[in-house]
């Protein structure tokens, strides 16, 4: 007796490197959604745009803020301002601060010069304030040690 062999199609090959397809399909889906939203907004309708903006803001967890139109007039109503108020000048405060920092710098410099350490320190006054720079880290620290030398610790006092 002859055994019958079933002839069928050969077993299908499995492709192990098709995982990229899932990411690709996700990206195409998101891209399609973006184009649908853009198409829906293609007609210029301010009411639709405001609804979409508020909906997206709510979805992302932020609250839509109100804007102040500064081009239409005054931001502060006149009843909240006083006519006899004097102007506030930042220039006066800046000049006082610069004078105070200069006096502080001169005081520190004179004390360092008296101790013989004036050459090891530099001063700079800028918009951040008074900056004191210790010149030459090798003169303040022992080699490979984090402690200040006793002679240089005096310059910080």
Protein backbone atom coordinates (compact mmCIF):
# COMPACT_ATOMS: atom_id res chain seq x y z
CA UNK A 1 0.00 0.00 0.00
CA UNK A 2 1.16 3.22 -0.92
CA UNK A 3 1.12 5.98 1.62
CA UNK A 4 -0.25 9.15 0.45
CA UNK A 5 1.65 12.23 1.05
CA UNK A 6 -0.10 15.39 1.44
CA UNK A 7 1.34 18.04 -0.58
CA UNK A 8 0.75 21.42 0.78
CA UNK A 9 2.32 24.74 0.57
CA UNK A 10 5.70 25.07 2.18
CA UNK A 11 5.64 26.54 5.69
CA UNK A 12 5.55 30.31 5.75
CA UNK A 13 8.72 32.08 6.70
CA UNK A 14 8.58 34.27 9.75
CA UNK A 15 10.31 37.58 9.56
CA UNK A 16 11.85 38.49 12.87
CA UNK A 17 12.83 41.98 11.82
CA UNK A 18 9.36 43.42 11.22
CA UNK A 19 9.00 45.17 14.58
CA UNK A 20 9.72 48.49 12.91
CA UNK A 21 6.35 48.23 11.19
CA UNK A 22 4.43 48.85 14.42
CA UNK A 23 6.33 52.08 15.06
CA UNK A 24 5.94 53.10 11.45
CA UNK A 25 2.17 52.52 11.55
CA UNK A 26 1.89 54.54 14.78
CA UNK A 27 3.80 57.41 13.19
CA UNK A 28 1.66 57.34 10.05
CA UNK A 29 -1.50 57.35 12.20
CA UNK A 30 -0.33 60.38 14.17
CA UNK A 31 0.67 62.13 10.96
CA UNK A 32 -2.75 61.43 9.47
CA UNK A 33 -4.44 62.85 12.59
CA UNK A 34 -2.31 65.97 12.34
CA UNK A 35 -3.33 66.51 8.71
CA UNK A 36 -7.00 65.99 9.59
CA UNK A 37 -6.72 68.67 12.28
CA UNK A 38 -4.91 71.00 9.87
CA UNK A 39 -7.56 70.42 7.23
CA UNK A 40 -10.33 71.11 9.74
CA UNK A 41 -8.64 74.40 10.60
CA UNK A 42 -7.99 75.38 7.00
CA UNK A 43 -10.97 77.69 6.94
CA UNK A 44 -10.13 80.79 8.91
CA UNK A 45 -12.69 80.78 11.67
CA UNK A 46 -11.62 82.45 14.90
CA UNK A 47 -14.34 80.76 16.95
CA UNK A 48 -13.20 77.29 15.83
CA UNK A 49 -9.59 78.18 16.51
CA UNK A 50 -10.39 79.41 20.03
CA UNK A 51 -12.34 76.22 20.78
CA UNK A 52 -9.48 74.06 19.50
CA UNK A 53 -6.89 76.04 21.44
CA UNK A 54 -8.87 75.80 24.67
CA UNK A 55 -9.53 72.10 24.11
CA UNK A 56 -5.85 71.34 23.51
CA UNK A 57 -4.85 73.48 26.49
CA UNK A 58 -7.29 71.58 28.69
CA UNK A 59 -6.03 68.27 27.33
CA UNK A 60 -2.44 69.16 28.11
CA UNK A 61 -3.36 70.38 31.58
CA UNK A 62 -2.82 74.09 31.12
CA UNK A 63 -5.32 76.86 31.51
CA UNK A 64 -5.78 79.34 28.69
CA UNK A 65 -4.58 82.77 29.77
CA UNK A 66 -6.20 86.04 28.91
CA UNK A 67 -4.22 88.58 26.95
CA UNK A 68 -4.02 92.31 27.52
CA UNK A 69 -4.17 94.35 24.35
CA UNK A 70 -1.62 97.10 24.97
CA UNK A 71 -2.16 98.65 21.56
CA UNK A 72 -5.76 99.63 22.33
CA UNK A 73 -5.00 102.10 25.11
CA UNK A 74 -3.79 102.24 28.66
CA UNK A 75 -3.13 99.06 30.57
CA UNK A 76 -3.67 100.62 34.00
CA UNK A 77 -6.91 102.56 34.33
CA UNK A 78 -6.42 106.20 35.37
CA UNK A 79 -8.39 105.78 38.61
CA UNK A 80 -5.64 103.48 39.93
CA UNK A 81 -2.87 106.01 39.39
CA UNK A 82 -2.20 109.14 41.36
CA UNK A 83 -1.44 112.39 39.61
CA UNK A 84 0.93 113.64 42.31
CA UNK A 85 3.11 110.50 42.31
CA UNK A 86 6.78 111.12 41.79
CA UNK A 87 8.68 109.23 39.14
CA UNK A 88 10.82 106.34 40.27
CA UNK A 89 14.31 106.27 38.86
CA UNK A 90 16.40 103.15 38.70
CA UNK A 91 19.37 105.34 37.86
CA UNK A 92 19.45 106.79 41.38
CA UNK A 93 19.41 103.32 42.91
CA UNK A 94 22.10 102.10 40.52
CA UNK A 95 24.36 105.04 41.37
CA UNK A 96 23.91 104.43 45.12
CA UNK A 97 24.65 100.74 44.69
CA UNK A 98 27.76 101.47 42.60
CA UNK A 99 29.02 103.91 45.24
CA UNK A 100 28.41 101.35 48.00
CA UNK A 101 30.23 98.61 46.06
CA UNK A 102 33.14 100.94 45.28
CA UNK A 103 33.49 101.84 48.96
CA UNK A 104 33.39 98.15 49.90
CA UNK A 105 36.02 97.34 47.28
CA UNK A 106 38.30 100.14 48.47
CA UNK A 107 37.92 99.04 52.11
CA UNK A 108 38.76 95.43 51.28
CA UNK A 109 41.69 96.47 49.09
CA UNK A 110 43.18 98.70 51.78
CA UNK A 111 42.95 95.91 54.38
CA UNK A 112 44.53 93.40 51.99
CA UNK A 113 47.32 95.84 51.09
CA UNK A 114 48.01 96.41 54.79
CA UNK A 115 48.35 92.64 55.26
CA UNK A 116 50.59 92.38 52.17
CA UNK A 117 48.09 90.30 50.23
CA UNK A 118 46.76 92.90 47.78
CA UNK A 119 48.53 91.38 44.77
CA UNK A 120 46.72 88.05 45.21
CA UNK A 121 43.19 89.44 44.87
CA UNK A 122 41.38 91.13 41.97
CA UNK A 123 38.08 93.02 42.16
CA UNK A 124 35.47 93.60 39.49
CA UNK A 125 32.20 95.55 39.69
CA UNK A 126 29.57 94.65 37.10
CA UNK A 127 25.79 94.25 36.83
CA UNK A 128 25.91 91.23 39.16
CA UNK A 129 27.68 93.13 41.92
CA UNK A 130 31.18 92.99 43.37
CA UNK A 131 33.25 89.99 42.30
CA UNK A 132 36.37 89.07 44.26
CA UNK A 133 38.82 86.82 42.42
CA UNK A 134 41.64 84.97 44.12
CA UNK A 135 44.56 85.08 41.70
CA UNK A 136 46.54 81.87 41.33
CA UNK A 137 44.98 78.86 43.02
CA UNK A 138 48.41 77.33 43.60
CA UNK A 139 49.25 80.16 46.01
CA UNK A 140 46.18 79.51 48.17
CA UNK A 141 46.22 75.71 48.35
CA UNK A 142 48.84 73.10 49.06
CA UNK A 143 49.47 70.81 46.09
CA UNK A 144 46.86 68.02 46.00
CA UNK A 145 45.24 69.25 49.23
CA UNK A 146 41.86 70.97 49.68
CA UNK A 147 42.91 72.94 52.79
CA UNK A 148 44.01 76.54 52.55
CA UNK A 149 47.52 77.38 53.58
CA UNK A 150 47.64 79.28 56.89
CA UNK A 151 49.21 82.33 55.24
CA UNK A 152 46.50 82.48 52.55
CA UNK A 153 43.60 81.88 54.92
CA UNK A 154 44.31 85.38 56.26
CA UNK A 155 43.40 86.91 52.89
CA UNK A 156 39.88 85.53 53.18
CA UNK A 157 39.48 86.92 56.68
